[in-house]
Amino acid sequence: MKLRKRELIKSGIKNIADHDQFEINEREIEIDANIKRGGLYQYFSTKREFIDHCFNCIIRELLNSNRVLLEERPPDVDIKERSRKVWFNTIAWWLGNPEKYKFYLKYLTSKYYRDNESVNLKNREIYFLEGQQAIQSGFLKNLPLEFAHELIVAQMVNTLQYIHKNPNCSADAEFLNLSFESVWDSLSVKEKTRS
């Protein structure tokens, strides 16, 4: 990706994170990215394309942070423990990237999220493969993967919001483990029905 384009995306994420509503100020973004007036639309044809690029950039970074955990398949680590590692890593990543988290929260409730087909294709594929394997192995309920993913995202957001209100919970291993167990319990097949 070109340096100017990267600077615009970085500035756009910050700009949206800094506003109360999901809105962008094109001129502020251009100034912050040290780009001439009108430069935003030399790199992105529409506001939607720009905002989707900002979102996809964040999701790719998060995915790259989780990729090693999702791709490792040691025989002594079951799918639940691998999922727990991804859960903890994702919480830590969001806590370490507050501007990106603010952008993400706003994007999730916007028309851009509902209409962004690439969200459902390339950025979720590795998570969907993990979910499909868990369903086929009998660990998770046979829910539509998109729905299961949305449940996990909602629980993640709720956990992060609670941590923001109660910062001491970010280092509370018992709380973090309970947050994972609550989402796992809502999606998993109970032991006696799996046997």
C-alpha atoms as a PDB file:
ATOM      1  CA  MET A   1       0.000   0.000   0.000  1.00  0.00           C
ATOM      2  CA  LYS A   2       1.316   3.437  -0.881  1.00  0.00           C
ATOM      3  CA  LEU A   3       2.631   5.555   1.967  1.00  0.00           C
ATOM      4  CA  ARG A   4       0.139   8.382   1.311  1.00  0.00           C
ATOM      5  CA  LYS A   5      -2.768   5.958   1.298  1.00  0.00           C
ATOM      6  CA  ARG A   6      -1.553   4.445   4.589  1.00  0.00           C
ATOM      7  CA  GLU A   7      -1.261   7.914   6.128  1.00  0.00           C
ATOM      8  CA  LEU A   8      -4.814   8.756   5.045  1.00  0.00           C
ATOM      9  CA  ILE A   9      -6.144   5.524   6.567  1.00  0.00           C
ATOM     10  CA  LYS A  10      -4.265   6.134   9.823  1.00  0.00           C
ATOM     11  CA  SER A  11      -5.607   9.691   9.929  1.00  0.00           C
ATOM     12  CA  GLY A  12      -9.136   8.535   9.054  1.00  0.00           C
ATOM     13  CA  ILE A  13      -9.200   6.006  11.885  1.00  0.00           C
ATOM     14  CA  LYS A  14      -8.060   8.692  14.327  1.00  0.00           C
ATOM     15  CA  ASN A  15     -10.531  11.238  12.949  1.00  0.00           C
ATOM     16  CA  ILE A  16     -13.526   8.935  13.293  1.00  0.00           C
ATOM     17  CA  ALA A  17     -12.366   7.739  16.727  1.00  0.00           C
ATOM     18  CA  ASP A  18     -12.123  11.361  17.922  1.00  0.00           C
ATOM     19  CA  HIS A  19     -15.684  12.328  16.921  1.00  0.00           C
ATOM     20  CA  ASP A  20     -18.777  11.538  18.966  1.00  0.00           C
ATOM     21  CA  GLN A  21     -20.707  10.386  15.904  1.00  0.00           C
ATOM     22  CA  PHE A  22     -19.615   8.220  12.993  1.00  0.00           C
ATOM     23  CA  GLU A  23     -18.509  11.008  10.707  1.00  0.00           C
ATOM     24  CA  ILE A  24     -15.401  12.104   8.908  1.00  0.00           C
ATOM     25  CA  ASN A  25     -13.955  15.511   8.265  1.00  0.00           C
ATOM     26  CA  GLU A  26     -12.131  15.074   4.979  1.00  0.00           C
ATOM     27  CA  ARG A  27     -10.089  18.259   5.381  1.00  0.00           C
ATOM     28  CA  GLU A  28      -8.914  17.336   8.904  1.00  0.00           C
ATOM     29  CA  ILE A  29      -7.869  13.928   7.593  1.00  0.00           C
ATOM     30  CA  GLU A  30      -5.941  15.482   4.702  1.00  0.00           C
ATOM     31  CA  ILE A  31      -4.191  17.976   6.998  1.00  0.00           C
ATOM     32  CA  ASP A  32      -3.302  15.283   9.534  1.00  0.00           C
ATOM     33  CA  ALA A  33      -1.962  13.051   6.739  1.00  0.00           C
ATOM     34  CA  ASN A  34      -0.082  16.015   5.219  1.00  0.00           C
ATOM     35  CA  ILE A  35      -1.996  15.663   1.932  1.00  0.00           C
ATOM     36  CA  LYS A  36      -3.197  18.560  -0.220  1.00  0.00           C
ATOM     37  CA  ARG A  37      -6.876  19.572  -0.293  1.00  0.00           C
ATOM     38  CA  GLY A  38      -8.904  17.037  -2.258  1.00  0.00           C
ATOM     39  CA  GLY A  39      -6.137  14.449  -1.950  1.00  0.00           C
ATOM     40  CA  LEU A  40      -8.329  11.959  -0.110  1.00  0.00           C
ATOM     41  CA  TYR A  41     -10.374  11.377  -3.263  1.00  0.00           C
ATOM     42  CA  GLN A  42      -7.283  10.946  -5.408  1.00  0.00           C
ATOM     43  CA  TYR A  43      -6.634   7.716  -3.494  1.00  0.00           C
ATOM     44  CA  PHE A  44     -10.215   6.635  -2.716  1.00  0.00           C
ATOM     45  CA  SER A  45     -13.077   7.142  -5.148  1.00  0.00           C
ATOM     46  CA  THR A  46     -15.810   7.453  -2.494  1.00  0.00           C
ATOM     47  CA  LYS A  47     -16.288   8.079   1.202  1.00  0.00           C
ATOM     48  CA  ARG A  48     -17.583   4.496   1.528  1.00  0.00           C
ATOM     49  CA  GLU A  49     -14.461   3.056  -0.087  1.00  0.00           C
ATOM     50  CA  PHE A  50     -12.263   5.087   2.270  1.00  0.00           C
ATOM     51  CA  ILE A  51     -14.182   4.077   5.403  1.00  0.00           C
ATOM     52  CA  ASP A  52     -14.244   0.405   4.355  1.00  0.00           C
ATOM     53  CA  HIS A  53     -10.474   0.541   3.761  1.00  0.00           C
ATOM     54  CA  CYS A  54      -9.995   1.948   7.271  1.00  0.00           C
ATOM     55  CA  PHE A  55     -12.099  -0.871   8.729  1.00  0.00           C
ATOM     56  CA  ASN A  56     -10.430  -3.591   6.660  1.00  0.00           C
ATOM     57  CA  CYS A  57      -6.995  -2.297   7.679  1.00  0.00           C
ATOM     58  CA  ILE A  58      -7.927  -2.667  11.368  1.00  0.00           C
ATOM     59  CA  ILE A  59      -9.416  -6.122  10.882  1.00  0.00           C
ATOM     60  CA  ARG A  60      -6.342  -7.306   8.932  1.00  0.00           C
ATOM     61  CA  GLU A  61      -4.057  -6.115  11.750  1.00  0.00           C
ATOM     62  CA  LEU A  62      -6.157  -7.951  14.324  1.00  0.00           C
ATOM     63  CA  LEU A  63      -6.255 -11.066  12.148  1.00  0.00           C
ATOM     64  CA  ASN A  64      -2.470 -10.962  11.752  1.00  0.00           C
ATOM     65  CA  SER A  65      -2.190 -10.771  15.535  1.00  0.00           C
ATOM     66  CA  ASN A  66      -4.381 -13.890  15.846  1.00  0.00           C
ATOM     67  CA  ARG A  67      -3.122 -15.799  12.793  1.00  0.00           C
ATOM     68  CA  VAL A  68      -0.401 -17.799  14.580  1.00  0.00           C
ATOM     69  CA  LEU A  69      -2.894 -18.863  17.254  1.00  0.00           C
ATOM     70  CA  LEU A  70      -5.482 -19.853  14.654  1.00  0.00           C
ATOM     71  CA  GLU A  71      -3.042 -21.752  12.469  1.00  0.00           C
ATOM     72  CA  GLU A  72      -1.216 -23.668  15.201  1.00  0.00           C
ATOM     73  CA  ARG A  73      -2.541 -27.172  15.558  1.00  0.00           C
ATOM     74  CA  PRO A  74      -0.472 -28.885  18.251  1.00  0.00           C
ATOM     75  CA  PRO A  75      -2.028 -32.234  19.185  1.00  0.00           C
ATOM     76  CA  ASP A  76      -2.077 -31.378  22.890  1.00  0.00           C
ATOM     77  CA  VAL A  77      -4.106 -28.147  22.453  1.00  0.00           C
ATOM     78  CA  ASP A  78      -7.809 -28.671  21.808  1.00  0.00           C
ATOM     79  CA  ILE A  79     -10.095 -26.273  19.996  1.00  0.00           C
ATOM     80  CA  LYS A  80     -11.447 -24.777  23.218  1.00  0.00           C
ATOM     81  CA  GLU A  81      -7.973 -23.877  24.481  1.00  0.00           C
ATOM     82  CA  ARG A  82      -6.973 -22.471  21.091  1.00  0.00           C
ATOM     83  CA  SER A  83     -10.175 -20.402  21.114  1.00  0.00           C
ATOM     84  CA  ARG A  84      -9.392 -19.205  24.645  1.00  0.00           C
ATOM     85  CA  LYS A  85      -5.944 -18.014  23.475  1.00  0.00           C
ATOM     86  CA  VAL A  86      -7.513 -16.149  20.552  1.00  0.00           C
ATOM     87  CA  TRP A  87     -10.083 -14.579  22.929  1.00  0.00           C
ATOM     88  CA  PHE A  88      -7.386 -13.335  25.335  1.00  0.00           C
ATOM     89  CA  ASN A  89      -5.147 -12.133  22.508  1.00  0.00           C
ATOM     90  CA  THR A  90      -8.035 -10.253  20.891  1.00  0.00           C
ATOM     91  CA  ILE A  91      -8.940  -8.504  24.152  1.00  0.00           C
ATOM     92  CA  ALA A  92      -5.290  -7.529  24.667  1.00  0.00           C
ATOM     93  CA  TRP A  93      -5.027  -6.282  21.066  1.00  0.00           C
ATOM     94  CA  TRP A  94      -8.126  -4.076  21.353  1.00  0.00           C
ATOM     95  CA  LEU A  95      -6.983  -2.696  24.726  1.00  0.00           C
ATOM     96  CA  GLY A  96      -3.625  -1.842  23.161  1.00  0.00           C
ATOM     97  CA  ASN A  97      -5.250  -0.077  20.193  1.00  0.00           C
ATOM     98  CA  PRO A  98      -7.868   2.277  21.694  1.00  0.00           C
ATOM     99  CA  GLU A  99      -8.340   4.478  18.598  1.00  0.00           C
ATOM    100  CA  LYS A 100      -8.911   1.430  16.441  1.00  0.00           C
ATOM    101  CA  TYR A 101     -11.362   0.071  18.998  1.00  0.00           C
ATOM    102  CA  LYS A 102     -13.330   3.351  19.030  1.00  0.00           C
ATOM    103  CA  PHE A 103     -13.457   3.307  15.233  1.00  0.00           C
ATOM    104  CA  TYR A 104     -14.528  -0.357  15.265  1.00  0.00           C
ATOM    105  CA  LEU A 105     -17.373   0.288  17.725  1.00  0.00           C
ATOM    106  CA  LYS A 106     -18.732   3.099  15.578  1.00  0.00           C
ATOM    107  CA  TYR A 107     -18.337   1.066  12.397  1.00  0.00           C
ATOM    108  CA  LEU A 108     -20.214  -1.924  13.875  1.00  0.00           C
ATOM    109  CA  THR A 109     -23.359   0.159  14.296  1.00  0.00           C
ATOM    110  CA  SER A 110     -23.129   1.937  10.958  1.00  0.00           C
ATOM    111  CA  LYS A 111     -24.640   1.281   7.559  1.00  0.00           C
ATOM    112  CA  TYR A 112     -21.116   0.641   6.292  1.00  0.00           C
ATOM    113  CA  TYR A 113     -20.801  -2.528   8.382  1.00  0.00           C
ATOM    114  CA  ARG A 114     -24.131  -3.931   7.235  1.00  0.00           C
ATOM    115  CA  ASP A 115     -23.274  -3.303   3.599  1.00  0.00           C
ATOM    116  CA  ASN A 116     -19.587  -4.352   3.588  1.00  0.00           C
ATOM    117  CA  GLU A 117     -19.525  -7.716   1.814  1.00  0.00           C
ATOM    118  CA  SER A 118     -15.752  -8.098   2.180  1.00  0.00           C
ATOM    119  CA  VAL A 119     -16.274  -8.361   5.957  1.00  0.00           C
ATOM    120  CA  ASN A 120     -17.999 -11.663   5.362  1.00  0.00           C
ATOM    121  CA  LEU A 121     -15.519 -12.919   2.815  1.00  0.00           C
ATOM    122  CA  LYS A 122     -11.782 -12.517   3.269  1.00  0.00           C
ATOM    123  CA  ASN A 123     -11.521 -11.056   6.771  1.00  0.00           C
ATOM    124  CA  ARG A 124     -13.599 -13.691   8.541  1.00  0.00           C
ATOM    125  CA  GLU A 125     -12.597 -16.748   6.549  1.00  0.00           C
ATOM    126  CA  ILE A 126     -10.004 -18.102   8.993  1.00  0.00           C
ATOM    127  CA  TYR A 127     -12.424 -17.627  11.907  1.00  0.00           C
ATOM    128  CA  PHE A 128     -15.191 -19.349   9.954  1.00  0.00           C
ATOM    129  CA  LEU A 129     -12.886 -22.278   9.159  1.00  0.00           C
ATOM    130  CA  GLU A 130     -12.139 -22.612  12.878  1.00  0.00           C
ATOM    131  CA  GLY A 131     -15.869 -22.472  13.642  1.00  0.00           C
ATOM    132  CA  GLN A 132     -16.679 -25.051  10.972  1.00  0.00           C
ATOM    133  CA  GLN A 133     -14.058 -27.407  12.382  1.00  0.00           C
ATOM    134  CA  ALA A 134     -15.509 -26.948  15.897  1.00  0.00           C
ATOM    135  CA  ILE A 135     -19.025 -27.714  14.614  1.00  0.00           C
ATOM    136  CA  GLN A 136     -17.853 -30.782  12.671  1.00  0.00           C
ATOM    137  CA  SER A 137     -15.947 -32.005  15.744  1.00  0.00           C
ATOM    138  CA  GLY A 138     -19.105 -31.719  17.815  1.00  0.00           C
ATOM    139  CA  PHE A 139     -17.808 -28.964  20.100  1.00  0.00           C
ATOM    140  CA  LEU A 140     -20.087 -26.162  18.919  1.00  0.00           C
ATOM    141  CA  LYS A 141     -23.775 -25.997  18.146  1.00  0.00           C
ATOM    142  CA  ASN A 142     -24.650 -26.153  14.476  1.00  0.00           C
ATOM    143  CA  LEU A 143     -25.363 -22.427  14.200  1.00  0.00           C
ATOM    144  CA  PRO A 144     -24.857 -20.439  11.015  1.00  0.00           C
ATOM    145  CA  LEU A 145     -21.215 -19.303  11.188  1.00  0.00           C
ATOM    146  CA  GLU A 146     -22.148 -15.675  10.541  1.00  0.00           C
ATOM    147  CA  PHE A 147     -24.539 -15.736  13.508  1.00  0.00           C
ATOM    148  CA  ALA A 148     -21.996 -17.446  15.796  1.00  0.00           C
ATOM    149  CA  HIS A 149     -19.406 -14.845  14.807  1.00  0.00           C
ATOM    150  CA  GLU A 150     -21.820 -12.002  15.581  1.00  0.00           C
ATOM    151  CA  LEU A 151     -22.503 -13.533  19.024  1.00  0.00           C
ATOM    152  CA  ILE A 152     -18.772 -13.687  19.711  1.00  0.00           C
ATOM    153  CA  VAL A 153     -18.264 -10.090  18.533  1.00  0.00           C
ATOM    154  CA  ALA A 154     -21.132  -8.884  20.753  1.00  0.00           C
ATOM    155  CA  GLN A 155     -19.691 -10.685  23.783  1.00  0.00           C
ATOM    156  CA  MET A 156     -16.225  -9.301  23.014  1.00  0.00           C
ATOM    157  CA  VAL A 157     -17.592  -5.752  22.826  1.00  0.00           C
ATOM    158  CA  ASN A 158     -19.501  -6.235  26.090  1.00  0.00           C
ATOM    159  CA  THR A 159     -16.366  -7.563  27.785  1.00  0.00           C
ATOM    160  CA  LEU A 160     -14.257  -4.665  26.522  1.00  0.00           C
ATOM    161  CA  GLN A 161     -16.872  -2.099  27.550  1.00  0.00           C
ATOM    162  CA  TYR A 162     -16.955  -3.605  31.036  1.00  0.00           C
ATOM    163  CA  ILE A 163     -13.150  -3.482  31.211  1.00  0.00           C
ATOM    164  CA  HIS A 164     -13.193   0.177  30.168  1.00  0.00           C
ATOM    165  CA  LYS A 165     -15.585   0.924  33.041  1.00  0.00           C
ATOM    166  CA  ASN A 166     -13.585  -1.303  35.434  1.00  0.00           C
ATOM    167  CA  PRO A 167      -9.924  -1.050  34.323  1.00  0.00           C
ATOM    168  CA  ASN A 168      -8.702  -3.371  37.076  1.00  0.00           C
ATOM    169  CA  CYS A 169     -10.482  -6.225  35.256  1.00  0.00           C
ATOM    170  CA  SER A 170      -7.997  -6.038  32.368  1.00  0.00           C
ATOM    171  CA  ALA A 171      -5.478  -7.869  34.575  1.00  0.00           C
ATOM    172  CA  ASP A 172      -7.993 -10.049  36.422  1.00  0.00           C
ATOM    173  CA  ALA A 173      -7.371 -13.569  35.108  1.00  0.00           C
ATOM    174  CA  GLU A 174     -10.530 -14.919  36.748  1.00  0.00           C
ATOM    175  CA  PHE A 175     -12.720 -12.251  35.125  1.00  0.00           C
ATOM    176  CA  LEU A 176     -11.104 -12.757  31.711  1.00  0.00           C
ATOM    177  CA  ASN A 177     -11.515 -16.508  31.971  1.00  0.00           C
ATOM    178  CA  LEU A 178     -15.182 -16.106  32.949  1.00  0.00           C
ATOM    179  CA  SER A 179     -15.727 -13.802  29.968  1.00  0.00           C
ATOM    180  CA  PHE A 180     -14.402 -16.526  27.669  1.00  0.00           C
ATOM    181  CA  GLU A 181     -16.369 -19.279  29.415  1.00  0.00           C
ATOM    182  CA  SER A 182     -19.607 -17.317  29.045  1.00  0.00           C
ATOM    183  CA  VAL A 183     -19.236 -17.054  25.271  1.00  0.00           C
ATOM    184  CA  TRP A 184     -18.024 -20.671  24.988  1.00  0.00           C
ATOM    185  CA  ASP A 185     -20.976 -21.916  27.051  1.00  0.00           C
ATOM    186  CA  SER A 186     -23.436 -20.060  24.829  1.00  0.00           C
ATOM    187  CA  LEU A 187     -22.047 -21.725  21.686  1.00  0.00           C
ATOM    188  CA  SER A 188     -20.857 -25.132  22.820  1.00  0.00           C
ATOM    189  CA  VAL A 189     -22.584 -28.470  22.830  1.00  0.00           C
ATOM    190  CA  LYS A 190     -22.833 -29.699  26.403  1.00  0.00           C
ATOM    191  CA  GLU A 191     -20.664 -32.702  27.304  1.00  0.00           C
ATOM    192  CA  LYS A 192     -23.480 -35.200  27.893  1.00  0.00           C
ATOM    193  CA  THR A 193     -25.193 -34.405  24.567  1.00  0.00           C
ATOM    194  CA  ARG A 194     -21.893 -34.689  22.697  1.00  0.00           C
ATOM    195  CA  SER A 195     -21.141 -38.220  23.958  1.00  0.00           C
END
